[in-house]
Amino acid sequence: MRKDIIFTAIGLLLLFSSYAAIQMMVPLPLGNRPIEVEIKRGISFKQAAELLSNNGMIRDSNLFLILGRITGLDRKLKAGYYPLWGTMSPFDVFLTLRRGHIIEYAITIIEGDTMMEIAEKLSSKGIISTEEFYKLAGDKGFLYALDIDAPSIEGYIFPETYRFPKGIKKEEILMLMVDKLREKYNEELMHRTFELGLTEREVLTIASIIEKEAVTDDERSIISAVYHNRLRRGMPLQADPTAIYGVKSSKEKITKKDLVRKTSHNTYVLKGLPPGPIASPGLKSIIAALNPAKVPYLYFVAKNDGTHHFSVTAAEHLEAVKMYRKGKKVNGKGETS
């Protein structure tokens, strides 16, 4: 009798194993076509199984539920859009869910990117339209919710490579990028901000100008010193990148007409800092804005090799400008080479 029970149990186990193998391992007869399934946030694993069953992606939802419970997938199902194929087996579908392989878009924000460039990157991937981006980026209520005291979100988006899941809300996109800035702009940097008597917006504004001006890392703190020195003396910053902000791309040549144009950010025609940042500064520029070098410089001019010549007086600066416009270089002692 006992042997009969054992053989019966073994037989049933083999029968169930064969059934499970057929149900889970045999490819689906849906053809070689892509099938996109959205697992919405908050739905249960049972609801997800029903959704897959309705789309013909699994044969036995009860078997799928058992497998989910055994592996723990029923407690940690990732929401998102899953890219599936009609030739997959139900087990392949299960593995895709377990690995959380949802459709994501990688976006890289680089140091010095402006809102215009960021909007184009997001729009090109179909994540958020340019119009929606600008509307949200300047929405006062949204900025208030993010604790941003500035005209727009410009400068508060931290340079980083982000991976956004398909279907993410547009508000969440900007919130994630601002959260990354706040993560980098840590308590230590905020303490230094208070020591200098500055606000977060003012530091990010200085940092964004440094980001647009500096090419080499070792000059960031020196360029920072020039602007801090000018601010202390009540001198206009006369930062070239501010003259074209919101007017044309920073890749275009800056003309004399640009320097005298009256805009809200042109530091040639207004004193003090612009009302907000002009680009997304990286951490090095933020640190430089908070730690200007102890130098007396008030002027600098590009040396046409990625570096700058710094001067204390206007006369020295004008002489350096003449030299570099002639294509010559000035060494550290102010002599031509």
C-alpha atoms as a PDB file:
ATOM      1  CA  MET A   1       0.000   0.000   0.000  1.00  0.00           C
ATOM      2  CA  ARG A   2       2.798   2.386   0.974  1.00  0.00           C
ATOM      3  CA  LYS A   3       4.634   1.634  -2.265  1.00  0.00           C
ATOM      4  CA  ASP A   4       1.481   2.356  -4.234  1.00  0.00           C
ATOM      5  CA  ILE A   5       1.165   5.742  -2.529  1.00  0.00           C
ATOM      6  CA  ILE A   6       4.823   6.555  -3.230  1.00  0.00           C
ATOM      7  CA  PHE A   7       4.551   5.535  -6.890  1.00  0.00           C
ATOM      8  CA  THR A   8       1.333   7.505  -7.233  1.00  0.00           C
ATOM      9  CA  ALA A   9       2.991  10.577  -5.676  1.00  0.00           C
ATOM     10  CA  ILE A  10       6.000  10.240  -7.959  1.00  0.00           C
ATOM     11  CA  GLY A  11       3.728   9.826 -10.947  1.00  0.00           C
ATOM     12  CA  LEU A  12       1.738  12.921 -10.049  1.00  0.00           C
ATOM     13  CA  LEU A  13       4.961  14.871  -9.509  1.00  0.00           C
ATOM     14  CA  LEU A  14       6.291  13.817 -12.892  1.00  0.00           C
ATOM     15  CA  LEU A  15       2.963  14.627 -14.499  1.00  0.00           C
ATOM     16  CA  PHE A  16       2.918  18.080 -12.887  1.00  0.00           C
ATOM     17  CA  SER A  17       6.551  18.655 -13.844  1.00  0.00           C
ATOM     18  CA  SER A  18       5.804  17.746 -17.458  1.00  0.00           C
ATOM     19  CA  TYR A  19       2.758  19.995 -17.454  1.00  0.00           C
ATOM     20  CA  ALA A  20       4.736  22.869 -15.911  1.00  0.00           C
ATOM     21  CA  ALA A  21       7.565  22.408 -18.409  1.00  0.00           C
ATOM     22  CA  ILE A  22       5.171  22.513 -21.359  1.00  0.00           C
ATOM     23  CA  GLN A  23       3.288  25.518 -19.982  1.00  0.00           C
ATOM     24  CA  MET A  24       6.392  27.512 -19.081  1.00  0.00           C
ATOM     25  CA  MET A  25       9.159  26.456 -21.467  1.00  0.00           C
ATOM     26  CA  VAL A  26       7.422  26.084 -24.845  1.00  0.00           C
ATOM     27  CA  PRO A  27       7.595  29.315 -26.911  1.00  0.00           C
ATOM     28  CA  LEU A  28       4.399  31.231 -27.440  1.00  0.00           C
ATOM     29  CA  PRO A  29       2.669  30.943 -30.838  1.00  0.00           C
ATOM     30  CA  LEU A  30       2.390  34.728 -31.333  1.00  0.00           C
ATOM     31  CA  GLY A  31       4.920  35.169 -34.116  1.00  0.00           C
ATOM     32  CA  ASN A  32       8.149  37.138 -34.139  1.00  0.00           C
ATOM     33  CA  ARG A  33       6.675  40.498 -33.176  1.00  0.00           C
ATOM     34  CA  PRO A  34       7.397  42.930 -30.331  1.00  0.00           C
ATOM     35  CA  ILE A  35       4.809  43.160 -27.587  1.00  0.00           C
ATOM     36  CA  GLU A  36       5.026  46.018 -25.100  1.00  0.00           C
ATOM     37  CA  VAL A  37       3.326  45.452 -21.750  1.00  0.00           C
ATOM     38  CA  GLU A  38       2.960  48.148 -19.099  1.00  0.00           C
ATOM     39  CA  ILE A  39       3.040  47.053 -15.488  1.00  0.00           C
ATOM     40  CA  LYS A  40       1.556  50.031 -13.703  1.00  0.00           C
ATOM     41  CA  ARG A  41       2.838  51.184 -10.364  1.00  0.00           C
ATOM     42  CA  GLY A  42       0.944  49.740  -7.421  1.00  0.00           C
ATOM     43  CA  ILE A  43      -0.714  46.776  -9.133  1.00  0.00           C
ATOM     44  CA  SER A  44      -0.417  43.347  -7.512  1.00  0.00           C
ATOM     45  CA  PHE A  45       1.483  40.429  -8.979  1.00  0.00           C
ATOM     46  CA  LYS A  46      -1.835  38.677  -9.517  1.00  0.00           C
ATOM     47  CA  GLN A  47      -3.089  41.614 -11.573  1.00  0.00           C
ATOM     48  CA  ALA A  48       0.143  41.601 -13.545  1.00  0.00           C
ATOM     49  CA  ALA A  49      -0.301  37.891 -14.282  1.00  0.00           C
ATOM     50  CA  GLU A  50      -3.856  38.531 -15.472  1.00  0.00           C
ATOM     51  CA  LEU A  51      -2.603  41.303 -17.735  1.00  0.00           C
ATOM     52  CA  LEU A  52       0.015  39.022 -19.253  1.00  0.00           C
ATOM     53  CA  SER A  53      -2.543  36.268 -19.660  1.00  0.00           C
ATOM     54  CA  ASN A  54      -4.919  38.629 -21.461  1.00  0.00           C
ATOM     55  CA  ASN A  55      -2.090  39.547 -23.832  1.00  0.00           C
ATOM     56  CA  GLY A  56      -1.398  35.856 -24.503  1.00  0.00           C
ATOM     57  CA  MET A  57       2.033  35.988 -22.866  1.00  0.00           C
ATOM     58  CA  ILE A  58       1.421  33.192 -20.348  1.00  0.00           C
ATOM     59  CA  ARG A  59      -0.637  29.990 -20.570  1.00  0.00           C
ATOM     60  CA  ASP A  60      -1.363  29.207 -16.927  1.00  0.00           C
ATOM     61  CA  SER A  61      -1.635  32.246 -14.640  1.00  0.00           C
ATOM     62  CA  ASN A  62      -1.860  30.044 -11.524  1.00  0.00           C
ATOM     63  CA  LEU A  63       1.463  28.418 -12.357  1.00  0.00           C
ATOM     64  CA  PHE A  64       2.928  31.880 -12.944  1.00  0.00           C
ATOM     65  CA  LEU A  65       1.633  33.026  -9.535  1.00  0.00           C
ATOM     66  CA  ILE A  66       3.184  30.011  -7.779  1.00  0.00           C
ATOM     67  CA  LEU A  67       6.547  30.712  -9.402  1.00  0.00           C
ATOM     68  CA  GLY A  68       6.292  34.370  -8.391  1.00  0.00           C
ATOM     69  CA  ARG A  69       5.569  33.437  -4.790  1.00  0.00           C
ATOM     70  CA  ILE A  70       8.411  30.911  -4.603  1.00  0.00           C
ATOM     71  CA  THR A  71      10.983  33.389  -5.981  1.00  0.00           C
ATOM     72  CA  GLY A  72       9.646  36.457  -4.146  1.00  0.00           C
ATOM     73  CA  LEU A  73       8.857  38.335  -7.354  1.00  0.00           C
ATOM     74  CA  ASP A  74       5.320  38.884  -6.118  1.00  0.00           C
ATOM     75  CA  ARG A  75       6.761  41.227  -3.438  1.00  0.00           C
ATOM     76  CA  LYS A  76       9.220  43.226  -5.581  1.00  0.00           C
ATOM     77  CA  LEU A  77       7.677  43.619  -9.017  1.00  0.00           C
ATOM     78  CA  LYS A  78       9.124  46.635 -10.822  1.00  0.00           C
ATOM     79  CA  ALA A  79       6.694  48.966 -12.563  1.00  0.00           C
ATOM     80  CA  GLY A  80       7.332  50.070 -16.131  1.00  0.00           C
ATOM     81  CA  TYR A  81       7.053  49.134 -19.785  1.00  0.00           C
ATOM     82  CA  TYR A  82       8.441  45.664 -20.543  1.00  0.00           C
ATOM     83  CA  PRO A  83       9.671  44.837 -24.067  1.00  0.00           C
ATOM     84  CA  LEU A  84       8.526  41.287 -24.869  1.00  0.00           C
ATOM     85  CA  TRP A  85       8.445  39.149 -28.029  1.00  0.00           C
ATOM     86  CA  GLY A  86       5.845  36.778 -29.401  1.00  0.00           C
ATOM     87  CA  THR A  87       8.426  33.978 -29.645  1.00  0.00           C
ATOM     88  CA  MET A  88       9.318  34.108 -25.951  1.00  0.00           C
ATOM     89  CA  SER A  89       8.292  31.349 -23.599  1.00  0.00           C
ATOM     90  CA  PRO A  90       6.273  32.190 -20.462  1.00  0.00           C
ATOM     91  CA  PHE A  91       9.437  31.445 -18.469  1.00  0.00           C
ATOM     92  CA  ASP A  92      11.354  34.019 -20.559  1.00  0.00           C
ATOM     93  CA  VAL A  93       8.593  36.494 -19.742  1.00  0.00           C
ATOM     94  CA  PHE A  94       8.961  35.631 -16.057  1.00  0.00           C
ATOM     95  CA  LEU A  95      12.735  36.171 -16.185  1.00  0.00           C
ATOM     96  CA  THR A  96      12.273  39.544 -17.906  1.00  0.00           C
ATOM     97  CA  LEU A  97      10.003  40.643 -15.062  1.00  0.00           C
ATOM     98  CA  ARG A  98      12.294  39.248 -12.406  1.00  0.00           C
ATOM     99  CA  ARG A  99      15.298  41.113 -13.830  1.00  0.00           C
ATOM    100  CA  GLY A 100      13.269  44.309 -14.086  1.00  0.00           C
ATOM    101  CA  HIS A 101      14.223  44.835 -17.729  1.00  0.00           C
ATOM    102  CA  ILE A 102      11.931  47.774 -18.433  1.00  0.00           C
ATOM    103  CA  ILE A 103      12.281  50.227 -21.308  1.00  0.00           C
ATOM    104  CA  GLU A 104      14.536  53.101 -20.211  1.00  0.00           C
ATOM    105  CA  TYR A 105      16.013  56.124 -21.955  1.00  0.00           C
ATOM    106  CA  ALA A 106      19.559  57.205 -21.135  1.00  0.00           C
ATOM    107  CA  ILE A 107      20.098  60.969 -21.108  1.00  0.00           C
ATOM    108  CA  THR A 108      23.501  62.549 -20.469  1.00  0.00           C
ATOM    109  CA  ILE A 109      23.566  66.120 -19.197  1.00  0.00           C
ATOM    110  CA  ILE A 110      27.076  67.547 -19.491  1.00  0.00           C
ATOM    111  CA  GLU A 111      28.662  70.417 -17.596  1.00  0.00           C
ATOM    112  CA  GLY A 112      27.626  73.707 -19.157  1.00  0.00           C
ATOM    113  CA  ASP A 113      24.423  72.447 -20.775  1.00  0.00           C
ATOM    114  CA  THR A 114      21.670  75.056 -20.826  1.00  0.00           C
ATOM    115  CA  MET A 115      17.925  74.475 -20.524  1.00  0.00           C
ATOM    116  CA  MET A 116      17.713  74.750 -24.305  1.00  0.00           C
ATOM    117  CA  GLU A 117      20.171  71.889 -24.795  1.00  0.00           C
ATOM    118  CA  ILE A 118      18.601  69.796 -22.028  1.00  0.00           C
ATOM    119  CA  ALA A 119      15.130  70.298 -23.508  1.00  0.00           C
ATOM    120  CA  GLU A 120      16.385  69.155 -26.915  1.00  0.00           C
ATOM    121  CA  LYS A 121      17.949  66.006 -25.432  1.00  0.00           C
ATOM    122  CA  LEU A 122      14.776  65.038 -23.570  1.00  0.00           C
ATOM    123  CA  SER A 123      12.560  65.849 -26.544  1.00  0.00           C
ATOM    124  CA  SER A 124      14.696  63.821 -28.978  1.00  0.00           C
ATOM    125  CA  LYS A 125      14.089  60.700 -26.859  1.00  0.00           C
ATOM    126  CA  GLY A 126      10.366  61.378 -26.657  1.00  0.00           C
ATOM    127  CA  ILE A 127      10.498  61.758 -22.876  1.00  0.00           C
ATOM    128  CA  ILE A 128       9.020  65.246 -22.689  1.00  0.00           C
ATOM    129  CA  SER A 129       8.285  67.795 -25.402  1.00  0.00           C
ATOM    130  CA  THR A 130      10.249  71.040 -25.542  1.00  0.00           C
ATOM    131  CA  GLU A 131       7.077  73.028 -24.880  1.00  0.00           C
ATOM    132  CA  GLU A 132       6.181  70.956 -21.803  1.00  0.00           C
ATOM    133  CA  PHE A 133       9.738  71.212 -20.494  1.00  0.00           C
ATOM    134  CA  TYR A 134       9.883  75.006 -20.715  1.00  0.00           C
ATOM    135  CA  LYS A 135       6.409  75.390 -19.230  1.00  0.00           C
ATOM    136  CA  LEU A 136       7.304  73.254 -16.223  1.00  0.00           C
ATOM    137  CA  ALA A 137      10.846  74.643 -15.865  1.00  0.00           C
ATOM    138  CA  GLY A 138       9.479  78.141 -15.343  1.00  0.00           C
ATOM    139  CA  ASP A 139       6.353  77.305 -13.374  1.00  0.00           C
ATOM    140  CA  LYS A 140       6.493  79.265 -10.097  1.00  0.00           C
ATOM    141  CA  GLY A 141       4.457  76.713  -8.166  1.00  0.00           C
ATOM    142  CA  PHE A 142       6.675  73.861  -9.317  1.00  0.00           C
ATOM    143  CA  LEU A 143       9.853  75.832  -8.531  1.00  0.00           C
ATOM    144  CA  TYR A 144       8.497  76.617  -5.070  1.00  0.00           C
ATOM    145  CA  ALA A 145       7.811  72.928  -4.466  1.00  0.00           C
ATOM    146  CA  LEU A 146      11.449  72.194  -5.364  1.00  0.00           C
ATOM    147  CA  ASP A 147      12.669  75.008  -3.082  1.00  0.00           C
ATOM    148  CA  ILE A 148      14.191  76.850  -6.047  1.00  0.00           C
ATOM    149  CA  ASP A 149      14.471  80.614  -5.629  1.00  0.00           C
ATOM    150  CA  ALA A 150      15.257  81.499  -9.235  1.00  0.00           C
ATOM    151  CA  PRO A 151      13.446  82.506 -12.449  1.00  0.00           C
ATOM    152  CA  SER A 152      13.624  78.949 -13.755  1.00  0.00           C
ATOM    153  CA  ILE A 153      15.139  75.543 -13.179  1.00  0.00           C
ATOM    154  CA  GLU A 154      18.245  76.641 -15.136  1.00  0.00           C
ATOM    155  CA  GLY A 155      21.396  75.660 -13.224  1.00  0.00           C
ATOM    156  CA  TYR A 156      19.583  73.315 -10.836  1.00  0.00           C
ATOM    157  CA  ILE A 157      19.814  70.286 -13.137  1.00  0.00           C
ATOM    158  CA  PHE A 158      22.971  68.425 -12.207  1.00  0.00           C
ATOM    159  CA  PRO A 159      25.240  67.119 -15.006  1.00  0.00           C
ATOM    160  CA  GLU A 160      24.909  63.336 -14.925  1.00  0.00           C
ATOM    161  CA  THR A 161      23.799  60.356 -16.994  1.00  0.00           C
ATOM    162  CA  TYR A 162      20.205  59.575 -16.093  1.00  0.00           C
ATOM    163  CA  ARG A 163      18.066  56.575 -16.994  1.00  0.00           C
ATOM    164  CA  PHE A 164      14.385  57.426 -17.174  1.00  0.00           C
ATOM    165  CA  PRO A 165      11.808  54.632 -17.482  1.00  0.00           C
ATOM    166  CA  LYS A 166       9.270  54.977 -20.247  1.00  0.00           C
ATOM    167  CA  GLY A 167       6.063  56.510 -18.959  1.00  0.00           C
ATOM    168  CA  ILE A 168       7.662  58.494 -16.137  1.00  0.00           C
ATOM    169  CA  LYS A 169       5.796  61.679 -15.235  1.00  0.00           C
ATOM    170  CA  LYS A 170       7.407  64.871 -16.516  1.00  0.00           C
ATOM    171  CA  GLU A 171       7.464  66.346 -13.011  1.00  0.00           C
ATOM    172  CA  GLU A 172       9.409  63.339 -11.748  1.00  0.00           C
ATOM    173  CA  ILE A 173      12.055  63.811 -14.455  1.00  0.00           C
ATOM    174  CA  LEU A 174      12.960  67.299 -13.295  1.00  0.00           C
ATOM    175  CA  MET A 175      12.631  66.367  -9.631  1.00  0.00           C
ATOM    176  CA  LEU A 176      15.151  63.544 -10.036  1.00  0.00           C
ATOM    177  CA  MET A 177      17.696  65.836 -11.694  1.00  0.00           C
ATOM    178  CA  VAL A 178      17.279  68.539  -9.049  1.00  0.00           C
ATOM    179  CA  ASP A 179      17.531  65.899  -6.293  1.00  0.00           C
ATOM    180  CA  LYS A 180      20.893  64.867  -7.754  1.00  0.00           C
ATOM    181  CA  LEU A 181      22.102  68.473  -7.444  1.00  0.00           C
ATOM    182  CA  ARG A 182      20.991  68.645  -3.814  1.00  0.00           C
ATOM    183  CA  GLU A 183      22.767  65.343  -3.174  1.00  0.00           C
ATOM    184  CA  LYS A 184      26.041  66.806  -4.510  1.00  0.00           C
ATOM    185  CA  TYR A 185      25.488  70.240  -2.956  1.00  0.00           C
ATOM    186  CA  ASN A 186      25.894  68.657   0.456  1.00  0.00           C
ATOM    187  CA  GLU A 187      25.850  70.007   4.008  1.00  0.00           C
ATOM    188  CA  GLU A 188      29.535  70.903   3.908  1.00  0.00           C
ATOM    189  CA  LEU A 189      29.128  73.014   0.750  1.00  0.00           C
ATOM    190  CA  MET A 190      25.992  74.628   2.164  1.00  0.00           C
ATOM    191  CA  HIS A 191      27.905  75.551   5.317  1.00  0.00           C
ATOM    192  CA  ARG A 192      30.555  77.210   3.156  1.00  0.00           C
ATOM    193  CA  THR A 193      27.772  79.056   1.316  1.00  0.00           C
ATOM    194  CA  PHE A 194      26.578  80.562   4.589  1.00  0.00           C
ATOM    195  CA  GLU A 195      30.149  81.474   5.543  1.00  0.00           C
ATOM    196  CA  LEU A 196      30.449  83.562   2.389  1.00  0.00           C
ATOM    197  CA  GLY A 197      27.087  85.210   3.019  1.00  0.00           C
ATOM    198  CA  LEU A 198      25.713  83.864  -0.252  1.00  0.00           C
ATOM    199  CA  THR A 199      22.598  81.957  -1.234  1.00  0.00           C
ATOM    200  CA  GLU A 200      22.400  78.683  -3.128  1.00  0.00           C
ATOM    201  CA  ARG A 201      21.135  80.580  -6.187  1.00  0.00           C
ATOM    202  CA  GLU A 202      24.037  83.044  -6.078  1.00  0.00           C
ATOM    203  CA  VAL A 203      26.609  80.253  -5.804  1.00  0.00           C
ATOM    204  CA  LEU A 204      25.053  78.322  -8.670  1.00  0.00           C
ATOM    205  CA  THR A 205      24.956  81.498 -10.752  1.00  0.00           C
ATOM    206  CA  ILE A 206      28.674  82.170 -10.201  1.00  0.00           C
ATOM    207  CA  ALA A 207      29.428  78.478 -10.778  1.00  0.00           C
ATOM    208  CA  SER A 208      27.491  78.464 -14.059  1.00  0.00           C
ATOM    209  CA  ILE A 209      29.538  81.410 -15.361  1.00  0.00           C
ATOM    210  CA  ILE A 210      32.761  79.681 -14.299  1.00  0.00           C
ATOM    211  CA  GLU A 211      31.572  76.540 -16.108  1.00  0.00           C
ATOM    212  CA  LYS A 212      31.123  78.519 -19.324  1.00  0.00           C
ATOM    213  CA  GLU A 213      34.471  80.308 -19.002  1.00  0.00           C
ATOM    214  CA  ALA A 214      36.868  77.653 -17.667  1.00  0.00           C
ATOM    215  CA  VAL A 215      38.492  75.065 -19.890  1.00  0.00           C
ATOM    216  CA  THR A 216      41.140  73.718 -17.515  1.00  0.00           C
ATOM    217  CA  ASP A 217      40.369  72.672 -13.952  1.00  0.00           C
ATOM    218  CA  ASP A 218      43.298  74.544 -12.420  1.00  0.00           C
ATOM    219  CA  GLU A 219      41.854  77.876 -13.602  1.00  0.00           C
ATOM    220  CA  ARG A 220      38.384  77.469 -12.108  1.00  0.00           C
ATOM    221  CA  SER A 221      39.256  78.939  -8.709  1.00  0.00           C
ATOM    222  CA  ILE A 222      41.183  81.818 -10.332  1.00  0.00           C
ATOM    223  CA  ILE A 223      38.264  82.716 -12.600  1.00  0.00           C
ATOM    224  CA  SER A 224      36.065  82.478  -9.522  1.00  0.00           C
ATOM    225  CA  ALA A 225      38.365  84.965  -7.760  1.00  0.00           C
ATOM    226  CA  VAL A 226      38.025  87.468 -10.612  1.00  0.00           C
ATOM    227  CA  TYR A 227      34.240  87.511 -10.250  1.00  0.00           C
ATOM    228  CA  HIS A 228      34.311  87.600  -6.448  1.00  0.00           C
ATOM    229  CA  ASN A 229      36.813  90.485  -6.573  1.00  0.00           C
ATOM    230  CA  ARG A 230      34.611  92.395  -9.003  1.00  0.00           C
ATOM    231  CA  LEU A 231      31.500  91.819  -6.886  1.00  0.00           C
ATOM    232  CA  ARG A 232      33.272  93.133  -3.787  1.00  0.00           C
ATOM    233  CA  ARG A 233      34.320  96.280  -5.660  1.00  0.00           C
ATOM    234  CA  GLY A 234      30.884  96.834  -7.153  1.00  0.00           C
ATOM    235  CA  MET A 235      32.229  96.381 -10.678  1.00  0.00           C
ATOM    236  CA  PRO A 236      30.142  94.860 -13.489  1.00  0.00           C
ATOM    237  CA  LEU A 237      31.088  91.208 -13.970  1.00  0.00           C
ATOM    238  CA  GLN A 238      31.350  91.653 -17.751  1.00  0.00           C
ATOM    239  CA  ALA A 239      31.150  87.903 -18.258  1.00  0.00           C
ATOM    240  CA  ASP A 240      30.860  87.191 -21.992  1.00  0.00           C
ATOM    241  CA  PRO A 241      28.638  84.079 -21.651  1.00  0.00           C
ATOM    242  CA  THR A 242      25.950  86.125 -19.902  1.00  0.00           C
ATOM    243  CA  ALA A 243      25.715  88.481 -22.892  1.00  0.00           C
ATOM    244  CA  ILE A 244      24.333  85.778 -25.173  1.00  0.00           C
ATOM    245  CA  TYR A 245      22.300  83.799 -22.649  1.00  0.00           C
ATOM    246  CA  GLY A 246      18.816  83.258 -24.024  1.00  0.00           C
ATOM    247  CA  VAL A 247      19.788  84.947 -27.280  1.00  0.00           C
ATOM    248  CA  LYS A 248      21.959  82.451 -29.122  1.00  0.00           C
ATOM    249  CA  SER A 249      24.021  79.321 -28.630  1.00  0.00           C
ATOM    250  CA  SER A 250      27.254  79.543 -26.662  1.00  0.00           C
ATOM    251  CA  LYS A 251      28.911  77.848 -29.621  1.00  0.00           C
ATOM    252  CA  GLU A 252      28.352  80.966 -31.715  1.00  0.00           C
ATOM    253  CA  LYS A 253      30.783  83.869 -31.817  1.00  0.00           C
ATOM    254  CA  ILE A 254      30.171  86.686 -29.335  1.00  0.00           C
ATOM    255  CA  THR A 255      30.077  90.092 -31.034  1.00  0.00           C
ATOM    256  CA  LYS A 256      30.302  93.695 -29.791  1.00  0.00           C
ATOM    257  CA  LYS A 257      26.580  93.976 -30.481  1.00  0.00           C
ATOM    258  CA  ASP A 258      25.961  91.116 -28.044  1.00  0.00           C
ATOM    259  CA  LEU A 259      27.910  92.888 -25.297  1.00  0.00           C
ATOM    260  CA  VAL A 260      25.721  96.020 -25.368  1.00  0.00           C
ATOM    261  CA  ARG A 261      22.377  94.261 -25.813  1.00  0.00           C
ATOM    262  CA  LYS A 262      20.041  94.850 -22.869  1.00  0.00           C
ATOM    263  CA  THR A 263      18.867  91.529 -21.498  1.00  0.00           C
ATOM    264  CA  SER A 264      18.011  90.271 -18.025  1.00  0.00           C
ATOM    265  CA  HIS A 265      21.317  88.367 -17.759  1.00  0.00           C
ATOM    266  CA  ASN A 266      23.885  90.507 -19.622  1.00  0.00           C
ATOM    267  CA  THR A 267      26.450  91.490 -16.985  1.00  0.00           C
ATOM    268  CA  TYR A 268      27.914  94.114 -19.319  1.00  0.00           C
ATOM    269  CA  VAL A 269      24.795  96.247 -18.873  1.00  0.00           C
ATOM    270  CA  LEU A 270      23.785  95.296 -15.317  1.00  0.00           C
ATOM    271  CA  LYS A 271      25.674  95.319 -12.045  1.00  0.00           C
ATOM    272  CA  GLY A 272      25.945  92.354  -9.775  1.00  0.00           C
ATOM    273  CA  LEU A 273      24.903  88.818 -10.573  1.00  0.00           C
ATOM    274  CA  PRO A 274      22.295  87.820 -13.156  1.00  0.00           C
ATOM    275  CA  PRO A 275      18.909  86.821 -11.671  1.00  0.00           C
ATOM    276  CA  GLY A 276      19.849  83.152 -11.959  1.00  0.00           C
ATOM    277  CA  PRO A 277      22.319  80.619 -13.406  1.00  0.00           C
ATOM    278  CA  ILE A 278      23.037  80.531 -17.148  1.00  0.00           C
ATOM    279  CA  ALA A 279      23.843  76.795 -17.398  1.00  0.00           C
ATOM    280  CA  SER A 280      24.237  73.590 -15.398  1.00  0.00           C
ATOM    281  CA  PRO A 281      27.492  73.785 -13.431  1.00  0.00           C
ATOM    282  CA  GLY A 282      29.410  70.677 -12.455  1.00  0.00           C
ATOM    283  CA  LEU A 283      30.678  69.963  -8.951  1.00  0.00           C
ATOM    284  CA  LYS A 284      34.161  71.356  -9.707  1.00  0.00           C
ATOM    285  CA  SER A 285      32.721  74.722 -10.702  1.00  0.00           C
ATOM    286  CA  ILE A 286      30.433  74.793  -7.651  1.00  0.00           C
ATOM    287  CA  ILE A 287      33.416  74.129  -5.382  1.00  0.00           C
ATOM    288  CA  ALA A 288      35.415  76.808  -7.222  1.00  0.00           C
ATOM    289  CA  ALA A 289      32.577  79.315  -6.751  1.00  0.00           C
ATOM    290  CA  LEU A 290      32.716  78.618  -3.020  1.00  0.00           C
ATOM    291  CA  ASN A 291      36.514  78.670  -2.824  1.00  0.00           C
ATOM    292  CA  PRO A 292      37.959  81.479  -4.955  1.00  0.00           C
ATOM    293  CA  ALA A 293      41.736  81.634  -5.172  1.00  0.00           C
ATOM    294  CA  LYS A 294      43.454  84.298  -3.084  1.00  0.00           C
ATOM    295  CA  VAL A 295      44.607  86.409  -6.025  1.00  0.00           C
ATOM    296  CA  PRO A 296      44.039  90.111  -6.856  1.00  0.00           C
ATOM    297  CA  TYR A 297      43.015  89.620 -10.500  1.00  0.00           C
ATOM    298  CA  LEU A 298      40.129  91.601 -11.963  1.00  0.00           C
ATOM    299  CA  TYR A 299      40.489  90.718 -15.654  1.00  0.00           C
ATOM    300  CA  PHE A 300      41.298  87.777 -17.895  1.00  0.00           C
ATOM    301  CA  VAL A 301      41.521  87.119 -21.607  1.00  0.00           C
ATOM    302  CA  ALA A 302      41.673  83.859 -23.565  1.00  0.00           C
ATOM    303  CA  LYS A 303      45.160  82.864 -24.729  1.00  0.00           C
ATOM    304  CA  ASN A 304      43.765  80.855 -27.661  1.00  0.00           C
ATOM    305  CA  ASP A 305      45.061  77.584 -26.194  1.00  0.00           C
ATOM    306  CA  GLY A 306      42.332  76.821 -23.654  1.00  0.00           C
ATOM    307  CA  THR A 307      43.928  78.884 -20.885  1.00  0.00           C
ATOM    308  CA  HIS A 308      43.669  82.533 -19.875  1.00  0.00           C
ATOM    309  CA  HIS A 309      45.936  85.461 -19.075  1.00  0.00           C
ATOM    310  CA  PHE A 310      44.965  87.203 -15.842  1.00  0.00           C
ATOM    311  CA  SER A 311      45.566  90.855 -15.000  1.00  0.00           C
ATOM    312  CA  VAL A 312      45.161  93.164 -12.005  1.00  0.00           C
ATOM    313  CA  THR A 313      44.760  96.482 -13.785  1.00  0.00           C
ATOM    314  CA  ALA A 314      42.784  97.589 -16.826  1.00  0.00           C
ATOM    315  CA  ALA A 315      45.994  98.758 -18.502  1.00  0.00           C
ATOM    316  CA  GLU A 316      47.605  95.321 -18.126  1.00  0.00           C
ATOM    317  CA  HIS A 317      44.453  93.696 -19.437  1.00  0.00           C
ATOM    318  CA  LEU A 318      44.259  95.921 -22.521  1.00  0.00           C
ATOM    319  CA  GLU A 319      47.892  95.157 -23.316  1.00  0.00           C
ATOM    320  CA  ALA A 320      47.223  91.418 -23.011  1.00  0.00           C
ATOM    321  CA  VAL A 321      44.146  91.704 -25.241  1.00  0.00           C
ATOM    322  CA  LYS A 322      46.224  93.450 -27.929  1.00  0.00           C
ATOM    323  CA  MET A 323      48.877  90.752 -27.761  1.00  0.00           C
ATOM    324  CA  TYR A 324      46.461  87.854 -28.117  1.00  0.00           C
ATOM    325  CA  ARG A 325      44.483  89.500 -30.878  1.00  0.00           C
ATOM    326  CA  LYS A 326      47.738  89.598 -32.808  1.00  0.00           C
ATOM    327  CA  GLY A 327      48.073  85.866 -32.241  1.00  0.00           C
ATOM    328  CA  LYS A 328      50.952  86.217 -29.789  1.00  0.00           C
ATOM    329  CA  LYS A 329      51.183  84.751 -26.345  1.00  0.00           C
ATOM    330  CA  VAL A 330      52.145  86.392 -23.066  1.00  0.00           C
ATOM    331  CA  ASN A 331      54.066  84.371 -20.524  1.00  0.00           C
ATOM    332  CA  GLY A 332      53.545  84.454 -16.782  1.00  0.00           C
ATOM    333  CA  LYS A 333      55.825  87.497 -16.466  1.00  0.00           C
ATOM    334  CA  GLY A 334      53.789  89.569 -18.902  1.00  0.00           C
ATOM    335  CA  GLU A 335      56.376  89.215 -21.671  1.00  0.00           C
ATOM    336  CA  THR A 336      55.613  88.210 -25.230  1.00  0.00           C
ATOM    337  CA  SER A 337      56.894  84.888 -26.483  1.00  0.00           C
END
